[in-house]
Amino acid sequence: MKKNLIMTLLATATLLAANGVWAKNVKTADKDNDGTLDKTEAKAIPVVAKNFDAIDVDKDGTVDQIEINTFLAMKGDKDSDGTLDKKEVKNKAIAKAFDKLDTDKDGTLDAKEISAFFAKQ
């Protein structure tokens, strides 16, 4: 149990370090400092600008760090079924926490489960 907790904490730290680069880019692009990017601000990050509508899952006209992280994680969905199985997960922290994140126990992670993971970070 203690070993699992340590592994989860290490995986989370690795994830946060990797996402730190994205977070810095988002923070720099967020000119009005509201914690989100609108389409104009998103132009500073080409991959976000190009995929803005797909990233903006709540369709509020802005994207936040959780939506961006979730989008990036879901890019591993090679069979385009809207979920990630263990083979499709590329993020080490998500892979290590897969079973815990799979709240509906269907053997896959959907965007909602991944988004919940990033929201807890």
Foldseek 3Di string as FASTA:
>chain_A
DVVLVVVLVVLVVQVCVVCVVVVVQQCVLPVVPPQWAALVSCVSPVVCNVCVVVLPVVPPRIHHSLSVVLVVQCVLVPVPPQWAALVSGPRRSCNSCVCVLPVVPPRTGHSVSSSVVVVVD
